[in-house]
Protein backbone atom coordinates (compact mmCIF):
# COMPACT_ATOMS: atom_id res chain seq x y z
CA UNK A 1 5.48 4.03 62.11
CA UNK A 2 6.18 0.45 61.04
CA UNK A 3 3.26 -1.25 59.32
CA UNK A 4 1.40 -3.74 61.51
CA UNK A 5 1.52 -7.24 59.95
CA UNK A 6 -1.81 -8.51 58.69
CA UNK A 7 -2.86 -11.38 61.00
CA UNK A 8 -3.85 -14.70 59.48
CA UNK A 9 -7.37 -14.42 60.85
CA UNK A 10 -8.08 -11.14 59.00
CA UNK A 11 -9.28 -13.03 55.93
CA UNK A 12 -11.92 -14.80 58.01
CA UNK A 13 -13.78 -11.63 58.99
CA UNK A 14 -17.18 -10.74 57.58
CA UNK A 15 -17.60 -7.26 56.18
CA UNK A 16 -17.96 -4.65 58.88
CA UNK A 17 -20.72 -2.08 58.90
CA UNK A 18 -19.87 1.59 59.43
CA UNK A 19 -21.81 3.65 61.94
CA UNK A 20 -21.85 7.21 63.24
CA UNK A 21 -22.01 7.51 67.01
CA UNK A 22 -23.46 10.83 68.24
CA UNK A 23 -21.83 12.69 71.13
CA UNK A 24 -23.63 15.02 73.53
CA UNK A 25 -22.13 18.14 71.90
CA UNK A 26 -23.34 17.17 68.42
CA UNK A 27 -20.06 15.74 67.12
CA UNK A 28 -20.22 12.37 65.37
CA UNK A 29 -17.57 9.71 65.81
CA UNK A 30 -16.98 7.07 63.15
CA UNK A 31 -17.06 3.38 64.05
CA UNK A 32 -17.05 -0.02 62.37
CA UNK A 33 -19.05 -2.93 63.75
CA UNK A 34 -18.49 -6.62 63.00
CA UNK A 35 -21.38 -8.93 63.91
CA UNK A 36 -21.12 -12.67 64.63
CA UNK A 37 -24.38 -13.20 62.76
CA UNK A 38 -26.50 -10.95 60.53
CA UNK A 39 -29.41 -11.09 62.94
CA UNK A 40 -29.86 -11.26 66.69
CA UNK A 41 -28.61 -9.37 69.70
CA UNK A 42 -25.07 -9.89 70.98
CA UNK A 43 -22.79 -8.68 73.75
CA UNK A 44 -20.46 -6.02 72.32
CA UNK A 45 -16.70 -5.65 72.81
CA UNK A 46 -15.70 -2.04 72.15
CA UNK A 47 -12.33 -0.41 71.46
CA UNK A 48 -11.84 3.34 71.04
CA UNK A 49 -8.61 4.26 69.23
CA UNK A 50 -6.68 7.27 67.87
CA UNK A 51 -4.60 4.98 65.65
CA UNK A 52 -7.11 4.26 62.90
CA UNK A 53 -10.09 1.98 63.31
CA UNK A 54 -9.84 -1.53 62.00
CA UNK A 55 -9.86 -5.07 63.36
CA UNK A 56 -6.10 -4.99 64.00
CA UNK A 57 -3.36 -2.39 64.43
CA UNK A 58 -1.64 -0.48 67.24
CA UNK A 59 -3.42 -1.13 70.52
CA UNK A 60 -5.60 -3.90 69.05
CA UNK A 61 -4.07 -7.28 69.89
CA UNK A 62 -7.07 -9.63 70.10
CA UNK A 63 -8.10 -12.13 67.43
CA UNK A 64 -11.34 -10.50 66.28
CA UNK A 65 -12.38 -13.55 64.23
CA UNK A 66 -12.20 -15.59 67.41
CA UNK A 67 -14.25 -13.02 69.33
CA UNK A 68 -16.93 -13.22 66.64
CA UNK A 69 -16.86 -17.02 66.74
CA UNK A 70 -17.47 -16.79 70.49
CA UNK A 71 -20.64 -14.81 69.81
CA UNK A 72 -19.46 -11.26 70.50
CA UNK A 73 -20.03 -8.25 68.27
CA UNK A 74 -16.90 -6.10 67.94
CA UNK A 75 -16.99 -2.32 67.58
CA UNK A 76 -13.92 -0.16 66.91
CA UNK A 77 -14.27 3.62 66.95
CA UNK A 78 -12.05 6.50 65.84
CA UNK A 79 -11.79 8.84 68.84
CA UNK A 80 -12.63 12.49 68.35
CA UNK A 81 -10.42 14.31 65.86
CA UNK A 82 -8.90 11.13 64.37
CA UNK A 83 -9.70 8.95 61.37
CA UNK A 84 -13.09 9.89 60.01
CA UNK A 85 -14.48 11.17 63.30
CA UNK A 86 -15.48 14.80 63.63
CA UNK A 87 -13.96 17.35 65.99
CA UNK A 88 -10.37 18.03 67.05
CA UNK A 89 -7.94 15.66 68.73
CA UNK A 90 -7.54 16.67 72.38
CA UNK A 91 -5.36 13.71 73.40
CA UNK A 92 -7.22 12.02 76.27
CA UNK A 93 -9.00 15.19 77.36
CA UNK A 94 -12.73 14.61 76.91
CA UNK A 95 -12.43 10.82 76.55
CA UNK A 96 -14.45 10.16 79.71
CA UNK A 97 -17.52 11.91 78.28
CA UNK A 98 -17.06 10.54 74.76
CA UNK A 99 -16.54 7.04 76.14
CA UNK A 100 -19.73 7.29 78.20
CA UNK A 101 -21.73 8.43 75.19
CA UNK A 102 -20.30 5.65 73.00
CA UNK A 103 -21.01 2.85 75.49
CA UNK A 104 -24.53 4.16 76.08
CA UNK A 105 -25.19 4.35 72.33
CA UNK A 106 -23.85 0.84 71.67
CA UNK A 107 -25.87 -0.73 74.49
CA UNK A 108 -29.09 0.61 72.95
CA UNK A 109 -28.55 -0.72 69.42
CA UNK A 110 -30.76 -3.49 68.05
CA UNK A 111 -27.72 -5.71 67.48
CA UNK A 112 -26.58 -5.39 71.13
CA UNK A 113 -28.08 -7.37 74.02
CA UNK A 114 -27.50 -4.38 76.32
CA UNK A 115 -24.04 -5.50 77.50
CA UNK A 116 -20.76 -3.81 76.55
CA UNK A 117 -17.17 -4.73 77.40
CA UNK A 118 -14.09 -2.70 76.46
CA UNK A 119 -10.58 -3.75 75.45
CA UNK A 120 -7.35 -2.36 74.01
CA UNK A 121 -3.84 -1.16 74.82
CA UNK A 122 -2.20 2.12 75.81
CA UNK A 123 -4.43 5.06 74.77
CA UNK A 124 -7.20 2.51 74.26
CA UNK A 125 -6.57 1.28 77.81
CA UNK A 126 -6.93 4.56 79.65
CA UNK A 127 -9.92 5.41 77.42
CA UNK A 128 -11.66 2.41 79.03
CA UNK A 129 -10.86 3.55 82.56
CA UNK A 130 -12.01 7.09 81.88
CA UNK A 131 -15.27 5.83 80.39
CA UNK A 132 -15.79 3.43 83.31
CA UNK A 133 -15.41 6.29 85.79
CA UNK A 134 -18.55 7.83 84.29
CA UNK A 135 -20.51 4.61 85.01
CA UNK A 136 -22.39 4.24 81.71
CA UNK A 137 -25.36 1.87 81.65
CA UNK A 138 -24.50 -1.42 80.03
CA UNK A 139 -20.75 -1.46 80.70
CA UNK A 140 -20.00 -4.83 82.28
CA UNK A 141 -16.20 -5.29 82.22
CA UNK A 142 -13.01 -3.72 80.91
CA UNK A 143 -9.53 -5.00 80.02
CA UNK A 144 -7.03 -2.10 79.91
CA UNK A 145 -3.51 -3.11 78.91
CA UNK A 146 -0.25 -1.12 79.17
CA UNK A 147 -2.27 1.90 80.28
CA UNK A 148 -1.11 5.23 81.72
CA UNK A 149 -2.79 6.63 84.82
CA UNK A 150 -3.47 10.05 83.34
CA UNK A 151 -2.36 12.57 80.77
CA UNK A 152 0.33 14.02 83.05
CA UNK A 153 1.60 10.46 83.53
CA UNK A 154 2.11 10.21 79.75
CA UNK A 155 4.12 13.43 79.59
CA UNK A 156 6.14 13.57 82.84
CA UNK A 157 7.93 11.26 85.27
CA UNK A 158 9.74 12.39 88.39
CA UNK A 159 9.10 16.00 87.35
CA UNK A 160 10.96 15.47 84.04
CA UNK A 161 9.55 15.46 80.50
CA UNK A 162 9.28 11.93 79.11
CA UNK A 163 10.85 13.11 75.89
CA UNK A 164 11.45 9.60 74.57
CA UNK A 165 7.73 8.84 74.72
CA UNK A 166 6.12 12.17 73.86
CA UNK A 167 8.04 12.99 70.69
CA UNK A 168 8.07 9.49 69.16
CA UNK A 169 4.34 9.03 69.79
CA UNK A 170 3.43 12.40 68.32
CA UNK A 171 5.95 12.45 65.46
CA UNK A 172 6.09 8.81 64.40
CA UNK A 173 2.72 7.38 65.44
CA UNK A 174 0.05 10.11 65.48
CA UNK A 175 1.46 12.60 62.95
CA UNK A 176 1.30 10.33 59.84
CA UNK A 177 -2.33 9.52 60.62
CA UNK A 178 -3.14 13.15 61.32
CA UNK A 179 -1.56 14.31 58.05
CA UNK A 180 -3.47 11.67 56.11
CA UNK A 181 -6.67 12.88 57.75
CA UNK A 182 -5.91 16.48 56.76
CA UNK A 183 -5.11 15.41 53.19
CA UNK A 184 -8.51 13.73 52.89
CA UNK A 185 -10.21 17.04 53.62
CA UNK A 186 -9.48 18.23 50.11
CA UNK A 187 -7.97 21.23 48.29
CA UNK A 188 -8.13 23.51 51.28
CA UNK A 189 -5.30 21.53 52.90
CA UNK A 190 -2.65 22.10 50.22
CA UNK A 191 0.95 22.53 51.33
CA UNK A 192 0.81 19.99 54.14
CA UNK A 193 4.12 19.57 56.00
CA UNK A 194 6.04 16.34 55.57
CA UNK A 195 5.61 13.75 58.30
CA UNK A 196 8.21 14.49 60.99
CA UNK A 197 9.03 10.84 61.74
CA UNK A 198 12.12 10.86 59.49
CA UNK A 199 13.59 13.69 61.59
CA UNK A 200 12.84 12.12 64.96
CA UNK A 201 16.50 11.75 65.94
CA UNK A 202 17.18 15.41 65.20
CA UNK A 203 14.02 16.49 67.02
CA UNK A 204 15.00 14.59 70.15
CA UNK A 205 18.37 16.40 70.24
CA UNK A 206 16.95 19.92 69.88
CA UNK A 207 17.27 22.45 72.66
CA UNK A 208 15.09 23.85 73.97
CA UNK A 209 12.74 20.87 73.80
CA UNK A 210 9.85 23.18 72.90
CA UNK A 211 11.51 24.12 69.61
CA UNK A 212 9.46 21.66 67.54
CA UNK A 213 7.65 23.61 64.80
CA UNK A 214 6.52 20.41 63.06
CA UNK A 215 4.79 19.23 66.23
CA UNK A 216 3.42 22.66 67.13
CA UNK A 217 1.75 22.92 63.71
CA UNK A 218 -0.02 19.59 64.07
CA UNK A 219 -0.60 19.44 67.82
CA UNK A 220 -1.01 22.82 69.56
CA UNK A 221 -1.48 21.07 72.90
CA UNK A 222 2.25 20.14 72.95
CA UNK A 223 3.17 23.70 73.97
CA UNK A 224 0.58 23.59 76.74
CA UNK A 225 2.07 20.36 78.06
CA UNK A 226 5.51 21.95 78.33
CA UNK A 227 4.15 25.15 79.87
CA UNK A 228 2.42 23.37 82.76
CA UNK A 229 4.60 20.65 84.34
CA UNK A 230 2.76 20.94 87.68
CA UNK A 231 0.45 17.88 87.94
CA UNK A 232 -2.12 19.92 89.87
CA UNK A 233 -2.71 22.29 86.95
CA UNK A 234 -6.22 22.16 85.50
CA UNK A 235 -4.80 21.14 82.11
CA UNK A 236 -4.37 17.58 83.36
CA UNK A 237 -7.52 17.28 85.46
CA UNK A 238 -10.01 15.82 82.98
CA UNK A 239 -7.80 12.83 82.12
CA UNK A 240 -6.43 12.20 85.63
CA UNK A 241 -7.46 8.79 86.99
CA UNK A 242 -6.43 9.55 90.58
CA UNK A 243 -9.63 11.48 91.21
CA UNK A 244 -11.70 8.87 89.36
CA UNK A 245 -10.60 5.52 90.80
CA UNK A 246 -13.31 5.43 93.45
CA UNK A 247 -15.93 5.91 90.73
CA UNK A 248 -14.87 2.85 88.73
CA UNK A 249 -17.13 -0.06 89.62
CA UNK A 250 -16.79 -2.51 86.72
CA UNK A 251 -14.39 -5.49 86.88
CA UNK A 252 -11.01 -4.70 85.34
CA UNK A 253 -8.42 -7.07 83.88
CA UNK A 254 -5.18 -5.07 83.89
CA UNK A 255 -2.04 -6.20 82.07
CA UNK A 256 1.43 -4.86 81.39
CA UNK A 257 5.04 -5.93 80.81
CA UNK A 258 8.17 -5.50 82.91
CA UNK A 259 9.65 -3.41 80.08
CA UNK A 260 6.51 -1.39 79.40
CA UNK A 261 6.93 2.33 80.09
CA UNK A 262 3.45 2.36 81.67
CA UNK A 263 4.26 -0.65 83.87
CA UNK A 264 4.14 1.24 87.16
CA UNK A 265 1.05 3.16 86.09
CA UNK A 266 -0.82 -0.06 85.31
CA UNK A 267 0.23 -1.59 88.63
CA UNK A 268 -0.77 1.59 90.46
CA UNK A 269 -4.20 1.38 88.82
CA UNK A 270 -4.53 -2.26 89.89
CA UNK A 271 -3.69 -1.34 93.49
CA UNK A 272 -6.10 1.59 93.46
CA UNK A 273 -8.93 -0.55 92.11
CA UNK A 274 -8.35 -3.73 94.07
CA UNK A 275 -9.27 -1.90 97.29
CA UNK A 276 -12.77 -1.07 96.04
CA UNK A 277 -15.38 -3.10 97.93
CA UNK A 278 -17.49 -3.61 94.79
CA UNK A 279 -14.67 -4.21 92.34
CA UNK A 280 -12.89 -7.26 91.00
CA UNK A 281 -9.47 -6.26 89.65
CA UNK A 282 -6.89 -8.66 88.25
CA UNK A 283 -3.31 -8.15 87.12
CA UNK A 284 -1.13 -9.95 84.57
CA UNK A 285 2.52 -8.91 84.03
CA UNK A 286 4.74 -10.62 81.48
CA UNK A 287 8.38 -10.15 80.33
CA UNK A 288 7.13 -7.83 77.60
CA UNK A 289 7.44 -4.32 76.21
CA UNK A 290 4.72 -1.76 75.58
CA UNK A 291 3.99 -3.05 72.09
CA UNK A 292 5.22 -6.65 71.94
CA UNK A 293 4.60 -9.84 73.92
CA UNK A 294 7.34 -12.12 72.60
CA UNK A 295 9.42 -14.75 74.40
CA UNK A 296 12.75 -13.20 73.37
CA UNK A 297 13.69 -9.62 74.18
CA UNK A 298 17.03 -7.87 73.68
CA UNK A 299 18.71 -11.23 73.19
CA UNK A 300 17.28 -12.73 76.38
CA UNK A 301 15.12 -15.83 75.77
CA UNK A 302 12.55 -16.10 78.56
CA UNK A 303 11.41 -19.55 77.49
CA UNK A 304 8.54 -21.16 75.59
CA UNK A 305 5.83 -20.09 78.05
CA UNK A 306 6.74 -16.39 78.15
CA UNK A 307 4.93 -15.00 75.10
CA UNK A 308 1.43 -13.64 74.85
CA UNK A 309 0.71 -16.36 72.30
CA UNK A 310 1.76 -19.07 74.75
CA UNK A 311 -0.49 -17.47 77.37
CA UNK A 312 -3.35 -17.43 74.81
CA UNK A 313 -3.90 -13.69 74.93
CA UNK A 314 -7.29 -13.75 73.22
CA UNK A 315 -8.37 -16.75 75.31
CA UNK A 316 -7.47 -14.86 78.49
CA UNK A 317 -9.83 -12.07 77.44
CA UNK A 318 -12.60 -14.44 76.38
CA UNK A 319 -12.37 -16.05 79.81
CA UNK A 320 -12.66 -12.63 81.46
CA UNK A 321 -15.52 -11.28 79.38
CA UNK A 322 -17.32 -14.64 79.44
CA UNK A 323 -17.39 -14.57 83.21
CA UNK A 324 -18.70 -11.02 83.60
CA UNK A 325 -20.97 -10.89 80.56
CA UNK A 326 -22.24 -14.49 80.40
CA UNK A 327 -21.71 -15.88 83.88
CA UNK A 328 -19.27 -18.65 82.90
CA UNK A 329 -16.69 -19.72 85.52
CA UNK A 330 -13.24 -18.20 85.28
CA UNK A 331 -10.69 -20.64 83.95
CA UNK A 332 -7.90 -18.82 85.81
CA UNK A 333 -8.88 -17.55 89.24
CA UNK A 334 -5.46 -16.11 90.16
CA UNK A 335 -5.85 -12.50 91.26
CA UNK A 336 -2.30 -11.71 90.16
CA UNK A 337 -0.16 -13.62 87.67
CA UNK A 338 3.39 -12.42 87.01
CA UNK A 339 6.34 -13.74 85.06
CA UNK A 340 9.51 -13.87 87.18
CA UNK A 341 12.47 -12.87 85.04
CA UNK A 342 15.67 -14.71 85.89
CA UNK A 343 13.63 -17.72 87.01
CA UNK A 344 11.72 -17.72 83.67
CA UNK A 345 8.43 -18.88 85.14
CA UNK A 346 4.88 -17.68 85.74
CA UNK A 347 3.61 -17.42 89.28
CA UNK A 348 0.13 -16.92 90.68
CA UNK A 349 -0.12 -14.57 93.63
CA UNK A 350 -2.82 -13.39 96.00
CA UNK A 351 -1.82 -9.75 95.54
CA UNK A 352 0.89 -7.37 94.38
CA UNK A 353 3.32 -6.77 95.87
CA UNK A 354 3.32 -10.16 97.62
CA UNK A 355 2.85 -9.97 101.37
CA UNK A 356 6.20 -11.64 102.07
CA UNK A 357 8.22 -8.92 100.30
CA UNK A 358 10.10 -6.47 102.49
CA UNK A 359 12.11 -3.45 101.39
CA UNK A 360 15.72 -4.03 102.42
CA UNK A 361 18.23 -1.19 102.50
CA UNK A 362 21.34 -1.77 100.41
CA UNK A 363 23.74 1.02 101.34
CA UNK A 364 26.04 2.74 98.90
CA UNK A 365 29.61 2.94 100.15
CA UNK A 366 32.94 4.36 99.04
CA UNK A 367 34.77 2.38 96.38
CA UNK A 368 31.55 1.45 94.59
CA UNK A 369 30.36 -0.96 97.26
CA UNK A 370 26.74 -1.93 97.83
CA UNK A 371 25.43 -4.08 100.64
CA UNK A 372 22.48 -4.67 102.98
CA UNK A 373 22.16 -3.19 106.46
CA UNK A 374 23.21 -6.43 108.10
CA UNK A 375 26.55 -6.27 106.24
CA UNK A 376 27.38 -2.63 107.00
CA UNK A 377 30.64 -3.66 108.62
CA UNK A 378 31.68 -4.56 105.08
CA UNK A 379 30.24 -1.39 103.54
CA UNK A 380 31.86 1.88 104.75
CA UNK A 381 28.59 3.77 104.28
CA UNK A 382 29.52 6.48 106.78
CA UNK A 383 32.45 7.59 104.61
CA UNK A 384 30.51 7.75 101.35
CA UNK A 385 31.26 10.80 99.24
CA UNK A 386 31.09 10.52 95.47
CA UNK A 387 30.31 12.97 92.71
CA UNK A 388 29.36 13.07 89.06
CA UNK A 389 29.09 15.82 86.46
CA UNK A 390 25.85 16.23 84.54
CA UNK A 391 26.59 17.83 81.17
CA UNK A 392 23.69 18.47 78.76
CA UNK A 393 26.20 18.48 75.91
CA UNK A 394 27.19 14.89 76.66
CA UNK A 395 24.27 13.19 78.45
CA UNK A 396 24.29 9.56 79.52
CA UNK A 397 22.64 7.74 76.59
CA UNK A 398 19.51 5.66 77.13
CA UNK A 399 20.40 2.00 76.75
CA UNK A 400 17.36 -0.23 76.88
CA UNK A 401 14.90 -0.62 79.73
CA UNK A 402 11.25 0.38 79.58
CA UNK A 403 11.53 2.56 76.48
CA UNK A 404 9.56 2.91 73.28
CA UNK A 405 10.61 0.73 70.37
CA UNK A 406 11.75 3.78 68.35
CA UNK A 407 14.73 4.48 70.66
CA UNK A 408 17.80 2.42 69.72
CA UNK A 409 18.92 -0.10 70.81
CA UNK A 410 15.29 -0.74 71.79
CA UNK A 411 13.57 -1.86 75.00
CA UNK A 412 14.37 -4.77 77.24
CA UNK A 413 17.24 -6.17 79.33
CA UNK A 414 19.91 -4.54 77.17
CA UNK A 415 23.57 -5.04 78.11
CA UNK A 416 24.92 -1.92 79.87
CA UNK A 417 28.62 -2.59 79.25
CA UNK A 418 28.83 -0.01 76.44
CA UNK A 419 28.44 2.65 79.17
CA UNK A 420 31.27 1.27 81.29
CA UNK A 421 33.79 3.94 80.30
CA UNK A 422 31.67 6.93 81.33
CA UNK A 423 32.99 8.89 84.29
CA UNK A 424 29.61 10.55 84.87
CA UNK A 425 27.99 7.32 86.08
CA UNK A 426 28.49 6.07 89.66
CA UNK A 427 28.41 2.28 89.93
CA UNK A 428 27.81 0.46 93.21
CA UNK A 429 27.89 -3.32 93.12
CA UNK A 430 27.44 -6.14 95.64
CA UNK A 431 29.78 -9.08 96.00
CA UNK A 432 28.70 -12.19 94.07
CA UNK A 433 25.53 -13.52 95.67
CA UNK A 434 26.07 -16.77 97.61
CA UNK A 435 22.47 -17.84 96.93
CA UNK A 436 19.60 -16.77 94.66
CA UNK A 437 17.90 -13.49 95.58
CA UNK A 438 14.32 -12.82 94.57
CA UNK A 439 12.89 -9.30 94.45
CA UNK A 440 9.15 -8.69 94.16
CA UNK A 441 7.75 -5.16 94.29
CA UNK A 442 8.90 -1.59 93.71
CA UNK A 443 12.60 -0.74 93.95
CA UNK A 444 13.60 2.76 95.00
CA UNK A 445 16.81 4.78 95.28
CA UNK A 446 17.24 7.22 98.17
CA UNK A 447 20.29 9.49 98.01
CA UNK A 448 21.58 12.40 100.03
CA UNK A 449 22.61 14.86 97.33
CA UNK A 450 24.01 18.36 97.02
CA UNK A 451 25.02 20.34 93.94
CA UNK A 452 26.56 23.55 92.69
CA UNK A 453 23.35 24.08 90.69
CA UNK A 454 19.97 25.07 92.10
CA UNK A 455 18.18 22.64 89.77
CA UNK A 456 19.43 19.22 88.67
CA UNK A 457 18.26 15.68 88.07
CA UNK A 458 19.27 12.34 89.59
CA UNK A 459 18.79 9.04 87.78
CA UNK A 460 19.01 5.53 89.15
CA UNK A 461 19.30 2.19 87.38
CA UNK A 462 19.10 -1.35 88.79
CA UNK A 463 21.25 -3.89 86.91
CA UNK A 464 21.76 -7.65 87.11
CA UNK A 465 25.46 -8.40 86.56
CA UNK A 466 25.83 -11.95 85.26
CA UNK A 467 28.88 -14.16 85.96
CA UNK A 468 29.78 -14.00 82.26
CA UNK A 469 30.00 -10.19 82.50
CA UNK A 470 26.69 -9.28 80.85
CA UNK A 471 25.00 -6.36 82.63
CA UNK A 472 21.22 -6.41 82.10
CA UNK A 473 19.08 -3.42 82.99
CA UNK A 474 16.02 -4.22 85.08
CA UNK A 475 14.39 -0.90 86.06
CA UNK A 476 15.37 2.77 86.17
CA UNK A 477 13.96 6.16 87.15
CA UNK A 478 14.60 9.87 87.52
CA UNK A 479 13.86 12.73 89.92
CA UNK A 480 14.13 16.47 89.40
CA UNK A 481 15.48 18.55 92.27
CA UNK A 482 14.49 22.22 92.34
CA UNK A 483 15.65 24.93 94.68
CA UNK A 484 18.57 22.83 95.85
CA UNK A 485 22.19 23.81 96.07
CA UNK A 486 25.01 23.41 98.53
CA UNK A 487 22.86 22.01 101.34
CA UNK A 488 22.43 18.22 101.23
CA UNK A 489 18.88 17.00 100.76
CA UNK A 490 17.12 13.68 100.51
CA UNK A 491 16.20 12.69 96.95
CA UNK A 492 13.90 9.73 96.24
CA UNK A 493 13.98 8.09 92.81
CA UNK A 494 11.31 5.49 92.07
CA UNK A 495 13.03 2.84 89.95
CA UNK A 496 9.96 0.73 89.36
CA UNK A 497 8.24 -2.59 89.93
CA UNK A 498 9.90 -5.87 89.10
CA UNK A 499 9.69 -9.60 89.76
CA UNK A 500 13.20 -10.88 89.25
CA UNK A 501 15.43 -13.67 90.50
CA UNK A 502 19.14 -12.84 90.76
CA UNK A 503 20.98 -16.13 90.41
CA UNK A 504 23.72 -17.35 92.72
CA UNK A 505 27.01 -15.81 91.59
CA UNK A 506 25.23 -12.78 90.09
CA UNK A 507 25.79 -9.30 91.49
CA UNK A 508 23.30 -6.52 92.16
CA UNK A 509 24.39 -3.17 90.73
CA UNK A 510 22.97 0.31 91.20
CA UNK A 511 24.01 3.06 88.80
CA UNK A 512 23.53 6.74 89.67
CA UNK A 513 23.90 9.61 87.19
CA UNK A 514 22.41 12.94 86.18
CA UNK A 515 20.78 12.09 82.85
CA UNK A 516 19.21 9.32 80.81
CA UNK A 517 18.74 10.74 77.33
CA UNK A 518 16.61 10.69 75.23
CA UNK A 519 14.27 8.71 77.47
CA UNK A 520 14.08 11.83 79.63
CA UNK A 521 14.72 15.42 78.60
CA UNK A 522 18.13 16.78 79.54
CA UNK A 523 18.39 19.42 82.21
CA UNK A 524 19.61 22.46 80.24
CA UNK A 525 22.34 23.41 82.71
CA UNK A 526 25.48 21.66 83.87
CA UNK A 527 25.64 20.45 87.46
CA UNK A 528 28.19 18.79 89.71
CA UNK A 529 26.28 16.52 92.06
CA UNK A 530 27.76 14.98 95.21
CA UNK A 531 26.10 12.14 97.08
CA UNK A 532 26.90 11.21 100.66
CA UNK A 533 25.60 9.05 103.48
CA UNK A 534 22.94 7.98 104.04
CA UNK A 535 22.29 6.83 100.46
CA UNK A 536 20.74 3.46 99.77
CA UNK A 537 18.77 1.23 97.45
CA UNK A 538 15.43 -0.04 98.75
CA UNK A 539 15.16 -3.52 97.28
CA UNK A 540 11.88 -5.47 97.75
CA UNK A 541 13.30 -8.81 98.83
CA UNK A 542 10.87 -11.74 98.84
CA UNK A 543 10.77 -14.40 101.51
CA UNK A 544 12.82 -12.69 104.24
CA UNK A 545 11.91 -13.21 107.91
CA UNK A 546 9.78 -10.35 109.17
CA UNK A 547 12.06 -9.90 112.19
CA UNK A 548 14.95 -8.89 109.96
CA UNK A 549 16.65 -5.83 111.39
CA UNK A 550 17.46 -4.39 107.98
CA UNK A 551 13.86 -4.34 106.72
CA UNK A 552 11.67 -1.27 106.46
CA UNK A 553 8.05 -0.87 105.42
CA UNK A 554 7.75 -0.55 101.62
CA UNK A 555 6.19 2.62 100.27
CA UNK A 556 2.75 2.13 98.77
């Protein structure tokens, strides 16, 4: 794991005080508390992390010195089984109960005025939501960023192992910290294995994917994850937000990036919470990745207002917590604020997806054509028949998109032209657009597919083809088909949410294949997959007349 740069404000912090927080089962979790003043009672902002407690680091992106200057106490805790905390790491399982106990403990301390807010990214984000579902006394507001919607959501997508998240997180992020923790335990931990991060590339290529002795030694739950892909299995239940959304009552500021691999999960959480009669949920989406909020990504400069710094990330949170913990007016009352890529501008919206968006069918036709329903005379959809071979020995390589930073060439709108020579990728492209086209919402691929294999996978990728030839990935997805075969069946592939403006002269491209590796695990068997009519892209087009004959109701 790359070292996190020391922020300039770190030197301004007072010394923190360490504290043990007791859990209901007797375990003690280690925390550090920074106070804005040696005496008095203060509202507390709490973060619970598996990445090592401190004022900055993975998942901790707020200026703690500024939080203290605003009169907040800040508490950062090592979750169970990490850092100096007791117990064993269970990876999200049990975080609802531990979060409840921690909030309750903090609210009762002499240095707390009885009010607690929570903040943090990724694991720290879902830890807030799980704690909030238990409704601890004193919890006033939360701010989960780039957060999954459950443990199964971390491990699987479309029925396929999210190999390019699971292994990098365990091997390159958690394992070094876990080994350091074991080394601190003393002589009884001699002969510790080397950190597996240096072998990450080799580990990603191994078949079967469960053959990871380095991971199995450190994290026994990895084998359980692979053994139970069914989301209804009890293994996933404790950390599943779906059954907990209606129990979350506190206001939630949710944020993500268009190239965050938990983008759709964060947006799903917003939509689940915004319907609660007693809840205030807000959503911010920038042109960012899971870990970084910069203006430039994969060579694409989104402009001076695109970065988290330009948005005043800490100020946004101070505004949120100030309103719910101190009663100050919100400086930004937009329910939804998204950055529109292509147009390079922020927009405030009443909701997401915007009411004016309608899902328009763009049909795939022979010869690589792609066009909307109204133009079907130009798209011979009825004659569509195309096939591709999915070969686990030569999978389609992941090339950008919403991936973790460890996977080269990295996340973002990466140019797809290096894949142009592959025969195992079907490409369907519109004619140059006569006018700008804005899409706002979730894009989806629907194909009629048959195969010579009973089990296979279908991937889809939405690409913006620029007039200069650059082909920038926007969103992509995958779906596993089981029990299939020679009979055609309908396969739905969720590509993901986006807010993007295709410029005039640009072309919309959809790419269909059988793999996207190592973002997703390869299917172990070869398959020849044939797609036929009807097969189409559902594109959430903004601003179309509601009487349009080629519009269908978007899926929620």
